[in-house]
Amino acid sequence: AHRHPSALQSLENCHLCAHHCGVNRHRGQRGFCKVGARSNIFSSQI
C-alpha cells in the first residue's frame, strides 16, 4: 500500500520494464506493451 502511489505516479514516465519507453500512460500514451494506466484481467481461476 505504501509503494502504490509512487508506482502509480511512475506511469507518467514509464520505465517499469527494460524497454524504458518513457511514455505517459496516464495521458493515453502507449509503449511497447500497449498497456494503459488501468489493467484488464483475462483469467482468474484455480
ModelCIF file with pLDDT and N, C-alpha, C, O atoms, coordinates in Angstrom:
data_MODEL
#
_entry.id   MODEL 
#
_entity.id                         1 
_entity.type                       polymer 
_entity.pdbx_number_of_molecules   1 
#
_entity_poly.entity_id                      1 
_entity_poly.type                           'polypeptide(L)' 
_entity_poly.nstd_linkage                   no 
_entity_poly.nstd_monomer                   no 
_entity_poly.pdbx_seq_one_letter_code       AHRHPSALQSLENCHLCAHHCGVNRHRGQRGFCKVGARSNIFSSQI 
_entity_poly.pdbx_seq_one_letter_code_can   AHRHPSALQSLENCHLCAHHCGVNRHRGQRGFCKVGARSNIFSSQI 
_entity_poly.pdbx_strand_id                 A 
#
loop_
_entity_poly_seq.entity_id 
_entity_poly_seq.num 
_entity_poly_seq.mon_id 
_entity_poly_seq.hetero 
1 1  ALA n 
1 2  HIS n 
1 3  ARG n 
1 4  HIS n 
1 5  PRO n 
1 6  SER n 
1 7  ALA n 
1 8  LEU n 
1 9  GLN n 
1 10 SER n 
1 11 LEU n 
1 12 GLU n 
1 13 ASN n 
1 14 CYS n 
1 15 HIS n 
1 16 LEU n 
1 17 CYS n 
1 18 ALA n 
1 19 HIS n 
1 20 HIS n 
1 21 CYS n 
1 22 GLY n 
1 23 VAL n 
1 24 ASN n 
1 25 ARG n 
1 26 HIS n 
1 27 ARG n 
1 28 GLY n 
1 29 GLN n 
1 30 ARG n 
1 31 GLY n 
1 32 PHE n 
1 33 CYS n 
1 34 LYS n 
1 35 VAL n 
1 36 GLY n 
1 37 ALA n 
1 38 ARG n 
1 39 SER n 
1 40 ASN n 
1 41 ILE n 
1 42 PHE n 
1 43 SER n 
1 44 SER n 
1 45 GLN n 
1 46 ILE n 
#
_struct_asym.id          A 
_struct_asym.entity_id   1 
#
loop_
_ma_qa_metric.id 
_ma_qa_metric.mode 
_ma_qa_metric.name 
_ma_qa_metric.software_group_id 
_ma_qa_metric.type 
1 global pLDDT . pLDDT 
2 local  pLDDT . pLDDT 
#
_ma_qa_metric_global.metric_id      1 
_ma_qa_metric_global.metric_value   97.17 
_ma_qa_metric_global.model_id       1 
_ma_qa_metric_global.ordinal_id     1 
#
loop_
_ma_qa_metric_local.label_asym_id 
_ma_qa_metric_local.label_comp_id 
_ma_qa_metric_local.label_seq_id 
_ma_qa_metric_local.metric_id 
_ma_qa_metric_local.metric_value 
_ma_qa_metric_local.model_id 
_ma_qa_metric_local.ordinal_id 
A ALA 1  2 97.00 1 1  
A HIS 2  2 96.00 1 2  
A ARG 3  2 97.00 1 3  
A HIS 4  2 98.00 1 4  
A PRO 5  2 98.00 1 5  
A SER 6  2 98.00 1 6  
A ALA 7  2 98.00 1 7  
A LEU 8  2 98.00 1 8  
A GLN 9  2 98.00 1 9  
A SER 10 2 98.00 1 10 
A LEU 11 2 98.00 1 11 
A GLU 12 2 98.00 1 12 
A ASN 13 2 98.00 1 13 
A CYS 14 2 98.00 1 14 
A HIS 15 2 98.00 1 15 
A LEU 16 2 98.00 1 16 
A CYS 17 2 98.00 1 17 
A ALA 18 2 98.00 1 18 
A HIS 19 2 97.00 1 19 
A HIS 20 2 98.00 1 20 
A CYS 21 2 98.00 1 21 
A GLY 22 2 98.00 1 22 
A VAL 23 2 98.00 1 23 
A ASN 24 2 98.00 1 24 
A ARG 25 2 98.00 1 25 
A HIS 26 2 98.00 1 26 
A ARG 27 2 97.00 1 27 
A GLY 28 2 96.00 1 28 
A GLN 29 2 98.00 1 29 
A ARG 30 2 96.00 1 30 
A GLY 31 2 97.00 1 31 
A PHE 32 2 96.00 1 32 
A CYS 33 2 96.00 1 33 
A LYS 34 2 96.00 1 34 
A VAL 35 2 97.00 1 35 
A GLY 36 2 96.00 1 36 
A ALA 37 2 96.00 1 37 
A ARG 38 2 94.00 1 38 
A SER 39 2 96.00 1 39 
A ASN 40 2 97.00 1 40 
A ILE 41 2 97.00 1 41 
A PHE 42 2 95.00 1 42 
A SER 43 2 96.00 1 43 
A SER 44 2 97.00 1 44 
A GLN 45 2 97.00 1 45 
A ILE 46 2 97.00 1 46 
#
loop_
_atom_site.group_PDB 
_atom_site.id 
_atom_site.type_symbol 
_atom_site.label_atom_id 
_atom_site.label_alt_id 
_atom_site.label_comp_id 
_atom_site.label_asym_id 
_atom_site.label_entity_id 
_atom_site.label_seq_id 
_atom_site.pdbx_PDB_ins_code 
_atom_site.Cartn_x 
_atom_site.Cartn_y 
_atom_site.Cartn_z 
_atom_site.occupancy 
_atom_site.B_iso_or_equiv 
_atom_site.pdbx_formal_charge 
_atom_site.auth_seq_id 
_atom_site.auth_comp_id 
_atom_site.auth_asym_id 
_atom_site.auth_atom_id 
_atom_site.pdbx_PDB_model_num 
ATOM 1   N N  . ALA A 1 1  ? 0.826   -1.204  0.000   1.00 97.00 ? 1  ALA A N  1 
ATOM 2   C CA . ALA A 1 1  ? 0.000   0.000   0.000   1.00 97.00 ? 1  ALA A CA 1 
ATOM 3   C C  . ALA A 1 1  ? 0.861   1.255   0.000   1.00 97.00 ? 1  ALA A C  1 
ATOM 4   O O  . ALA A 1 1  ? 0.524   2.240   -0.657  1.00 97.00 ? 1  ALA A O  1 
ATOM 5   N N  . HIS A 1 2  ? 1.961   1.226   0.726   1.00 96.00 ? 2  HIS A N  1 
ATOM 6   C CA . HIS A 1 2  ? 2.859   2.383   0.778   1.00 96.00 ? 2  HIS A CA 1 
ATOM 7   C C  . HIS A 1 2  ? 3.511   2.657   -0.576  1.00 96.00 ? 2  HIS A C  1 
ATOM 8   O O  . HIS A 1 2  ? 3.717   3.813   -0.945  1.00 96.00 ? 2  HIS A O  1 
ATOM 9   N N  . ARG A 1 3  ? 3.833   1.607   -1.309  1.00 97.00 ? 3  ARG A N  1 
ATOM 10  C CA . ARG A 1 3  ? 4.515   1.766   -2.594  1.00 97.00 ? 3  ARG A CA 1 
ATOM 11  C C  . ARG A 1 3  ? 3.558   2.115   -3.736  1.00 97.00 ? 3  ARG A C  1 
ATOM 12  O O  . ARG A 1 3  ? 3.986   2.618   -4.774  1.00 97.00 ? 3  ARG A O  1 
ATOM 13  N N  . HIS A 1 4  ? 2.280   1.852   -3.547  1.00 98.00 ? 4  HIS A N  1 
ATOM 14  C CA . HIS A 1 4  ? 1.312   2.020   -4.636  1.00 98.00 ? 4  HIS A CA 1 
ATOM 15  C C  . HIS A 1 4  ? 1.284   3.436   -5.217  1.00 98.00 ? 4  HIS A C  1 
ATOM 16  O O  . HIS A 1 4  ? 1.321   3.568   -6.440  1.00 98.00 ? 4  HIS A O  1 
ATOM 17  N N  . PRO A 1 5  ? 1.219   4.506   -4.409  1.00 98.00 ? 5  PRO A N  1 
ATOM 18  C CA . PRO A 1 5  ? 1.163   5.852   -5.004  1.00 98.00 ? 5  PRO A CA 1 
ATOM 19  C C  . PRO A 1 5  ? 2.373   6.171   -5.876  1.00 98.00 ? 5  PRO A C  1 
ATOM 20  O O  . PRO A 1 5  ? 2.239   6.785   -6.935  1.00 98.00 ? 5  PRO A O  1 
ATOM 21  N N  . SER A 1 6  ? 3.543   5.755   -5.429  1.00 98.00 ? 6  SER A N  1 
ATOM 22  C CA . SER A 1 6  ? 4.750   6.013   -6.219  1.00 98.00 ? 6  SER A CA 1 
ATOM 23  C C  . SER A 1 6  ? 4.717   5.245   -7.533  1.00 98.00 ? 6  SER A C  1 
ATOM 24  O O  . SER A 1 6  ? 5.082   5.783   -8.579  1.00 98.00 ? 6  SER A O  1 
ATOM 25  N N  . ALA A 1 7  ? 4.281   3.988   -7.483  1.00 98.00 ? 7  ALA A N  1 
ATOM 26  C CA . ALA A 1 7  ? 4.193   3.194   -8.705  1.00 98.00 ? 7  ALA A CA 1 
ATOM 27  C C  . ALA A 1 7  ? 3.184   3.790   -9.676  1.00 98.00 ? 7  ALA A C  1 
ATOM 28  O O  . ALA A 1 7  ? 3.417   3.809   -10.884 1.00 98.00 ? 7  ALA A O  1 
ATOM 29  N N  . LEU A 1 8  ? 2.065   4.276   -9.151  1.00 98.00 ? 8  LEU A N  1 
ATOM 30  C CA . LEU A 1 8  ? 1.049   4.906   -9.994  1.00 98.00 ? 8  LEU A CA 1 
ATOM 31  C C  . LEU A 1 8  ? 1.621   6.163   -10.659 1.00 98.00 ? 8  LEU A C  1 
ATOM 32  O O  . LEU A 1 8  ? 1.397   6.397   -11.847 1.00 98.00 ? 8  LEU A O  1 
ATOM 33  N N  . GLN A 1 9  ? 2.347   6.957   -9.900  1.00 98.00 ? 9  GLN A N  1 
ATOM 34  C CA . GLN A 1 9  ? 2.957   8.162   -10.458 1.00 98.00 ? 9  GLN A CA 1 
ATOM 35  C C  . GLN A 1 9  ? 3.995   7.823   -11.523 1.00 98.00 ? 9  GLN A C  1 
ATOM 36  O O  . GLN A 1 9  ? 4.183   8.580   -12.476 1.00 98.00 ? 9  GLN A O  1 
ATOM 37  N N  . SER A 1 10 ? 4.671   6.680   -11.361 1.00 98.00 ? 10 SER A N  1 
ATOM 38  C CA . SER A 1 10 ? 5.722   6.307   -12.316 1.00 98.00 ? 10 SER A CA 1 
ATOM 39  C C  . SER A 1 10 ? 5.190   6.107   -13.727 1.00 98.00 ? 10 SER A C  1 
ATOM 40  O O  . SER A 1 10 ? 5.961   6.148   -14.686 1.00 98.00 ? 10 SER A O  1 
ATOM 41  N N  . LEU A 1 11 ? 3.883   5.891   -13.872 1.00 98.00 ? 11 LEU A N  1 
ATOM 42  C CA . LEU A 1 11 ? 3.300   5.707   -15.203 1.00 98.00 ? 11 LEU A CA 1 
ATOM 43  C C  . LEU A 1 11 ? 3.329   6.985   -16.025 1.00 98.00 ? 11 LEU A C  1 
ATOM 44  O O  . LEU A 1 11 ? 3.103   6.943   -17.234 1.00 98.00 ? 11 LEU A O  1 
ATOM 45  N N  . GLU A 1 12 ? 3.606   8.130   -15.386 1.00 98.00 ? 12 GLU A N  1 
ATOM 46  C CA . GLU A 1 12 ? 3.757   9.385   -16.131 1.00 98.00 ? 12 GLU A CA 1 
ATOM 47  C C  . GLU A 1 12 ? 5.015   9.373   -16.994 1.00 98.00 ? 12 GLU A C  1 
ATOM 48  O O  . GLU A 1 12 ? 5.130   10.143  -17.948 1.00 98.00 ? 12 GLU A O  1 
ATOM 49  N N  . ASN A 1 13 ? 5.948   8.502   -16.657 1.00 98.00 ? 13 ASN A N  1 
ATOM 50  C CA . ASN A 1 13 ? 7.211   8.367   -17.400 1.00 98.00 ? 13 ASN A CA 1 
ATOM 51  C C  . ASN A 1 13 ? 7.640   6.920   -17.216 1.00 98.00 ? 13 ASN A C  1 
ATOM 52  O O  . ASN A 1 13 ? 8.532   6.616   -16.424 1.00 98.00 ? 13 ASN A O  1 
ATOM 53  N N  . CYS A 1 14 ? 6.980   6.023   -17.971 1.00 98.00 ? 14 CYS A N  1 
ATOM 54  C CA . CYS A 1 14 ? 7.031   4.605   -17.636 1.00 98.00 ? 14 CYS A CA 1 
ATOM 55  C C  . CYS A 1 14 ? 8.365   3.945   -17.989 1.00 98.00 ? 14 CYS A C  1 
ATOM 56  O O  . CYS A 1 14 ? 8.807   3.949   -19.138 1.00 98.00 ? 14 CYS A O  1 
ATOM 57  N N  . HIS A 1 15 ? 8.986   3.377   -16.948 1.00 98.00 ? 15 HIS A N  1 
ATOM 58  C CA . HIS A 1 15 ? 10.210  2.596   -17.089 1.00 98.00 ? 15 HIS A CA 1 
ATOM 59  C C  . HIS A 1 15 ? 10.102  1.305   -16.287 1.00 98.00 ? 15 HIS A C  1 
ATOM 60  O O  . HIS A 1 15 ? 11.093  0.822   -15.739 1.00 98.00 ? 15 HIS A O  1 
ATOM 61  N N  . LEU A 1 16 ? 8.893   0.747   -16.220 1.00 98.00 ? 16 LEU A N  1 
ATOM 62  C CA . LEU A 1 16 ? 8.705   -0.447  -15.409 1.00 98.00 ? 16 LEU A CA 1 
ATOM 63  C C  . LEU A 1 16 ? 9.370   -1.681  -15.999 1.00 98.00 ? 16 LEU A C  1 
ATOM 64  O O  . LEU A 1 16 ? 9.776   -2.576  -15.258 1.00 98.00 ? 16 LEU A O  1 
ATOM 65  N N  . CYS A 1 17 ? 9.488   -1.742  -17.316 1.00 98.00 ? 17 CYS A N  1 
ATOM 66  C CA . CYS A 1 17 ? 10.187  -2.872  -17.937 1.00 98.00 ? 17 CYS A CA 1 
ATOM 67  C C  . CYS A 1 17 ? 11.452  -2.366  -18.621 1.00 98.00 ? 17 CYS A C  1 
ATOM 68  O O  . CYS A 1 17 ? 11.702  -1.162  -18.687 1.00 98.00 ? 17 CYS A O  1 
ATOM 69  N N  . ALA A 1 18 ? 12.239  -3.300  -19.123 1.00 98.00 ? 18 ALA A N  1 
ATOM 70  C CA . ALA A 1 18 ? 13.552  -2.947  -19.669 1.00 98.00 ? 18 ALA A CA 1 
ATOM 71  C C  . ALA A 1 18 ? 13.499  -2.303  -21.042 1.00 98.00 ? 18 ALA A C  1 
ATOM 72  O O  . ALA A 1 18 ? 14.546  -1.978  -21.601 1.00 98.00 ? 18 ALA A O  1 
ATOM 73  N N  . HIS A 1 19 ? 12.305  -2.107  -21.607 1.00 97.00 ? 19 HIS A N  1 
ATOM 74  C CA . HIS A 1 19 ? 12.198  -1.328  -22.847 1.00 97.00 ? 19 HIS A CA 1 
ATOM 75  C C  . HIS A 1 19 ? 12.414  0.165   -22.570 1.00 97.00 ? 19 HIS A C  1 
ATOM 76  O O  . HIS A 1 19 ? 12.848  0.903   -23.455 1.00 97.00 ? 19 HIS A O  1 
ATOM 77  N N  . HIS A 1 20 ? 12.116  0.606   -21.355 1.00 98.00 ? 20 HIS A N  1 
ATOM 78  C CA . HIS A 1 20 ? 12.298  2.017   -20.969 1.00 98.00 ? 20 HIS A CA 1 
ATOM 79  C C  . HIS A 1 20 ? 11.640  2.963   -21.977 1.00 98.00 ? 20 HIS A C  1 
ATOM 80  O O  . HIS A 1 20 ? 12.279  3.883   -22.487 1.00 98.00 ? 20 HIS A O  1 
ATOM 81  N N  . CYS A 1 21 ? 10.369  2.725   -22.253 1.00 98.00 ? 21 CYS A N  1 
ATOM 82  C CA . CYS A 1 21 ? 9.659   3.534   -23.257 1.00 98.00 ? 21 CYS A CA 1 
ATOM 83  C C  . CYS A 1 21 ? 9.517   4.994   -22.837 1.00 98.00 ? 21 CYS A C  1 
ATOM 84  O O  . CYS A 1 21 ? 9.558   5.879   -23.692 1.00 98.00 ? 21 CYS A O  1 
ATOM 85  N N  . GLY A 1 22 ? 9.353   5.266   -21.558 1.00 98.00 ? 22 GLY A N  1 
ATOM 86  C CA . GLY A 1 22 ? 9.237   6.640   -21.078 1.00 98.00 ? 22 GLY A CA 1 
ATOM 87  C C  . GLY A 1 22 ? 7.942   7.332   -21.451 1.00 98.00 ? 22 GLY A C  1 
ATOM 88  O O  . GLY A 1 22 ? 7.881   8.562   -21.441 1.00 98.00 ? 22 GLY A O  1 
ATOM 89  N N  . VAL A 1 23 ? 6.900   6.571   -21.781 1.00 98.00 ? 23 VAL A N  1 
ATOM 90  C CA . VAL A 1 23 ? 5.629   7.181   -22.184 1.00 98.00 ? 23 VAL A CA 1 
ATOM 91  C C  . VAL A 1 23 ? 4.814   7.571   -20.952 1.00 98.00 ? 23 VAL A C  1 
ATOM 92  O O  . VAL A 1 23 ? 5.032   7.054   -19.856 1.00 98.00 ? 23 VAL A O  1 
ATOM 93  N N  . ASN A 1 24 ? 3.864   8.502   -21.158 1.00 98.00 ? 24 ASN A N  1 
ATOM 94  C CA . ASN A 1 24 ? 2.942   8.895   -20.093 1.00 98.00 ? 24 ASN A CA 1 
ATOM 95  C C  . ASN A 1 24 ? 1.652   8.102   -20.258 1.00 98.00 ? 24 ASN A C  1 
ATOM 96  O O  . ASN A 1 24 ? 0.779   8.476   -21.041 1.00 98.00 ? 24 ASN A O  1 
ATOM 97  N N  . ARG A 1 25 ? 1.540   7.029   -19.533 1.00 98.00 ? 25 ARG A N  1 
ATOM 98  C CA . ARG A 1 25 ? 0.379   6.146   -19.672 1.00 98.00 ? 25 ARG A CA 1 
ATOM 99  C C  . ARG A 1 25 ? -0.888  6.788   -19.118 1.00 98.00 ? 25 ARG A C  1 
ATOM 100 O O  . ARG A 1 25 ? -1.991  6.423   -19.526 1.00 98.00 ? 25 ARG A O  1 
ATOM 101 N N  . HIS A 1 26 ? -0.749  7.735   -18.201 1.00 98.00 ? 26 HIS A N  1 
ATOM 102 C CA . HIS A 1 26 ? -1.926  8.432   -17.684 1.00 98.00 ? 26 HIS A CA 1 
ATOM 103 C C  . HIS A 1 26 ? -2.584  9.299   -18.759 1.00 98.00 ? 26 HIS A C  1 
ATOM 104 O O  . HIS A 1 26 ? -3.780  9.582   -18.689 1.00 98.00 ? 26 HIS A O  1 
ATOM 105 N N  . ARG A 1 27 ? -1.809  9.710   -19.736 1.00 97.00 ? 27 ARG A N  1 
ATOM 106 C CA . ARG A 1 27 ? -2.329  10.560  -20.811 1.00 97.00 ? 27 ARG A CA 1 
ATOM 107 C C  . ARG A 1 27 ? -2.627  9.775   -22.080 1.00 97.00 ? 27 ARG A C  1 
ATOM 108 O O  . ARG A 1 27 ? -2.787  10.359  -23.152 1.00 97.00 ? 27 ARG A O  1 
ATOM 109 N N  . GLY A 1 28 ? -2.700  8.474   -21.965 1.00 96.00 ? 28 GLY A N  1 
ATOM 110 C CA . GLY A 1 28 ? -3.081  7.650   -23.099 1.00 96.00 ? 28 GLY A CA 1 
ATOM 111 C C  . GLY A 1 28 ? -1.943  7.246   -24.013 1.00 96.00 ? 28 GLY A C  1 
ATOM 112 O O  . GLY A 1 28 ? -2.180  6.594   -25.030 1.00 96.00 ? 28 GLY A O  1 
ATOM 113 N N  . GLN A 1 29 ? -0.710  7.615   -23.679 1.00 98.00 ? 29 GLN A N  1 
ATOM 114 C CA . GLN A 1 29 ? 0.420   7.191   -24.494 1.00 98.00 ? 29 GLN A CA 1 
ATOM 115 C C  . GLN A 1 29 ? 0.678   5.709   -24.258 1.00 98.00 ? 29 GLN A C  1 
ATOM 116 O O  . GLN A 1 29 ? 0.467   5.200   -23.157 1.00 98.00 ? 29 GLN A O  1 
ATOM 117 N N  . ARG A 1 30 ? 1.133   5.024   -25.296 1.00 96.00 ? 30 ARG A N  1 
ATOM 118 C CA . ARG A 1 30 ? 1.355   3.586   -25.203 1.00 96.00 ? 30 ARG A CA 1 
ATOM 119 C C  . ARG A 1 30 ? 2.785   3.245   -25.624 1.00 96.00 ? 30 ARG A C  1 
ATOM 120 O O  . ARG A 1 30 ? 3.283   3.718   -26.645 1.00 96.00 ? 30 ARG A O  1 
ATOM 121 N N  . GLY A 1 31 ? 3.417   2.424   -24.819 1.00 97.00 ? 31 GLY A N  1 
ATOM 122 C CA . GLY A 1 31 ? 4.743   1.929   -25.147 1.00 97.00 ? 31 GLY A CA 1 
ATOM 123 C C  . GLY A 1 31 ? 4.665   0.572   -25.830 1.00 97.00 ? 31 GLY A C  1 
ATOM 124 O O  . GLY A 1 31 ? 3.646   0.226   -26.428 1.00 97.00 ? 31 GLY A O  1 
ATOM 125 N N  . PHE A 1 32 ? 5.733   -0.184  -25.737 1.00 96.00 ? 32 PHE A N  1 
ATOM 126 C CA . PHE A 1 32 ? 5.825   -1.485  -26.405 1.00 96.00 ? 32 PHE A CA 1 
ATOM 127 C C  . PHE A 1 32 ? 4.684   -2.409  -25.982 1.00 96.00 ? 32 PHE A C  1 
ATOM 128 O O  . PHE A 1 32 ? 4.136   -3.135  -26.811 1.00 96.00 ? 32 PHE A O  1 
ATOM 129 N N  . CYS A 1 33 ? 4.326   -2.389  -24.702 1.00 96.00 ? 33 CYS A N  1 
ATOM 130 C CA . CYS A 1 33 ? 3.304   -3.311  -24.184 1.00 96.00 ? 33 CYS A CA 1 
ATOM 131 C C  . CYS A 1 33 ? 1.880   -2.877  -24.526 1.00 96.00 ? 33 CYS A C  1 
ATOM 132 O O  . CYS A 1 33 ? 0.962   -3.696  -24.471 1.00 96.00 ? 33 CYS A O  1 
ATOM 133 N N  . LYS A 1 34 ? 1.678   -1.607  -24.877 1.00 96.00 ? 34 LYS A N  1 
ATOM 134 C CA . LYS A 1 34 ? 0.366   -1.034  -25.213 1.00 96.00 ? 34 LYS A CA 1 
ATOM 135 C C  . LYS A 1 34 ? -0.589  -0.933  -24.023 1.00 96.00 ? 34 LYS A C  1 
ATOM 136 O O  . LYS A 1 34 ? -1.768  -0.635  -24.211 1.00 96.00 ? 34 LYS A O  1 
ATOM 137 N N  . VAL A 1 35 ? -0.105  -1.175  -22.809 1.00 97.00 ? 35 VAL A N  1 
ATOM 138 C CA . VAL A 1 35 ? -0.954  -1.137  -21.625 1.00 97.00 ? 35 VAL A CA 1 
ATOM 139 C C  . VAL A 1 35 ? -1.134  0.298   -21.160 1.00 97.00 ? 35 VAL A C  1 
ATOM 140 O O  . VAL A 1 35 ? -0.189  1.087   -21.177 1.00 97.00 ? 35 VAL A O  1 
ATOM 141 N N  . GLY A 1 36 ? -2.364  0.638   -20.739 1.00 96.00 ? 36 GLY A N  1 
ATOM 142 C CA . GLY A 1 36 ? -2.644  1.976   -20.235 1.00 96.00 ? 36 GLY A CA 1 
ATOM 143 C C  . GLY A 1 36 ? -2.429  2.080   -18.743 1.00 96.00 ? 36 GLY A C  1 
ATOM 144 O O  . GLY A 1 36 ? -1.617  1.349   -18.175 1.00 96.00 ? 36 GLY A O  1 
ATOM 145 N N  . ALA A 1 37 ? -3.147  2.981   -18.105 1.00 96.00 ? 37 ALA A N  1 
ATOM 146 C CA . ALA A 1 37 ? -2.977  3.214   -16.671 1.00 96.00 ? 37 ALA A CA 1 
ATOM 147 C C  . ALA A 1 37 ? -3.741  2.208   -15.819 1.00 96.00 ? 37 ALA A C  1 
ATOM 148 O O  . ALA A 1 37 ? -3.381  1.973   -14.665 1.00 96.00 ? 37 ALA A O  1 
ATOM 149 N N  . ARG A 1 38 ? -4.788  1.615   -16.376 1.00 94.00 ? 38 ARG A N  1 
ATOM 150 C CA . ARG A 1 38 ? -5.555  0.602   -15.646 1.00 94.00 ? 38 ARG A CA 1 
ATOM 151 C C  . ARG A 1 38 ? -5.419  -0.746  -16.347 1.00 94.00 ? 38 ARG A C  1 
ATOM 152 O O  . ARG A 1 38 ? -5.134  -0.813  -17.543 1.00 94.00 ? 38 ARG A O  1 
ATOM 153 N N  . SER A 1 39 ? -5.622  -1.800  -15.597 1.00 96.00 ? 39 SER A N  1 
ATOM 154 C CA . SER A 1 39 ? -5.352  -3.143  -16.098 1.00 96.00 ? 39 SER A CA 1 
ATOM 155 C C  . SER A 1 39 ? -6.619  -3.928  -16.374 1.00 96.00 ? 39 SER A C  1 
ATOM 156 O O  . SER A 1 39 ? -7.659  -3.720  -15.750 1.00 96.00 ? 39 SER A O  1 
ATOM 157 N N  . ASN A 1 40 ? -6.498  -4.840  -17.331 1.00 97.00 ? 40 ASN A N  1 
ATOM 158 C CA . ASN A 1 40 ? -7.525  -5.841  -17.582 1.00 97.00 ? 40 ASN A CA 1 
ATOM 159 C C  . ASN A 1 40 ? -7.020  -7.208  -17.124 1.00 97.00 ? 40 ASN A C  1 
ATOM 160 O O  . ASN A 1 40 ? -5.819  -7.476  -17.107 1.00 97.00 ? 40 ASN A O  1 
ATOM 161 N N  . ILE A 1 41 ? -7.972  -8.062  -16.755 1.00 97.00 ? 41 ILE A N  1 
ATOM 162 C CA . ILE A 1 41 ? -7.674  -9.437  -16.362 1.00 97.00 ? 41 ILE A CA 1 
ATOM 163 C C  . ILE A 1 41 ? -8.344  -10.364 -17.363 1.00 97.00 ? 41 ILE A C  1 
ATOM 164 O O  . ILE A 1 41 ? -9.544  -10.245 -17.607 1.00 97.00 ? 41 ILE A O  1 
ATOM 165 N N  . PHE A 1 42 ? -7.575  -11.299 -17.953 1.00 95.00 ? 42 PHE A N  1 
ATOM 166 C CA . PHE A 1 42 ? -8.217  -12.219 -18.897 1.00 95.00 ? 42 PHE A CA 1 
ATOM 167 C C  . PHE A 1 42 ? -8.485  -13.587 -18.283 1.00 95.00 ? 42 PHE A C  1 
ATOM 168 O O  . PHE A 1 42 ? -9.140  -14.426 -18.901 1.00 95.00 ? 42 PHE A O  1 
ATOM 169 N N  . SER A 1 43 ? -7.986  -13.816 -17.079 1.00 96.00 ? 43 SER A N  1 
ATOM 170 C CA . SER A 1 43 ? -8.288  -15.073 -16.402 1.00 96.00 ? 43 SER A CA 1 
ATOM 171 C C  . SER A 1 43 ? -7.998  -14.931 -14.917 1.00 96.00 ? 43 SER A C  1 
ATOM 172 O O  . SER A 1 43 ? -6.994  -14.334 -14.530 1.00 96.00 ? 43 SER A O  1 
ATOM 173 N N  . SER A 1 44 ? -8.876  -15.478 -14.088 1.00 97.00 ? 44 SER A N  1 
ATOM 174 C CA . SER A 1 44 ? -8.615  -15.573 -12.643 1.00 97.00 ? 44 SER A CA 1 
ATOM 175 C C  . SER A 1 44 ? -9.342  -16.810 -12.145 1.00 97.00 ? 44 SER A C  1 
ATOM 176 O O  . SER A 1 44 ? -10.568 -16.823 -12.028 1.00 97.00 ? 44 SER A O  1 
ATOM 177 N N  . GLN A 1 45 ? -8.577  -17.841 -11.856 1.00 97.00 ? 45 GLN A N  1 
ATOM 178 C CA . GLN A 1 45 ? -9.180  -19.132 -11.548 1.00 97.00 ? 45 GLN A CA 1 
ATOM 179 C C  . GLN A 1 45 ? -8.155  -20.061 -10.894 1.00 97.00 ? 45 GLN A C  1 
ATOM 180 O O  . GLN A 1 45 ? -6.953  -19.797 -10.916 1.00 97.00 ? 45 GLN A O  1 
ATOM 181 N N  . ILE A 1 46 ? -8.647  -21.131 -10.322 1.00 97.00 ? 46 ILE A N  1 
ATOM 182 C CA . ILE A 1 46 ? -7.780  -22.176 -9.802  1.00 97.00 ? 46 ILE A CA 1 
ATOM 183 C C  . ILE A 1 46 ? -7.111  -22.899 -10.970 1.00 97.00 ? 46 ILE A C  1 
ATOM 184 O O  . ILE A 1 46 ? -6.330  -23.826 -10.757 1.00 97.00 ? 46 ILE A O  1 
#
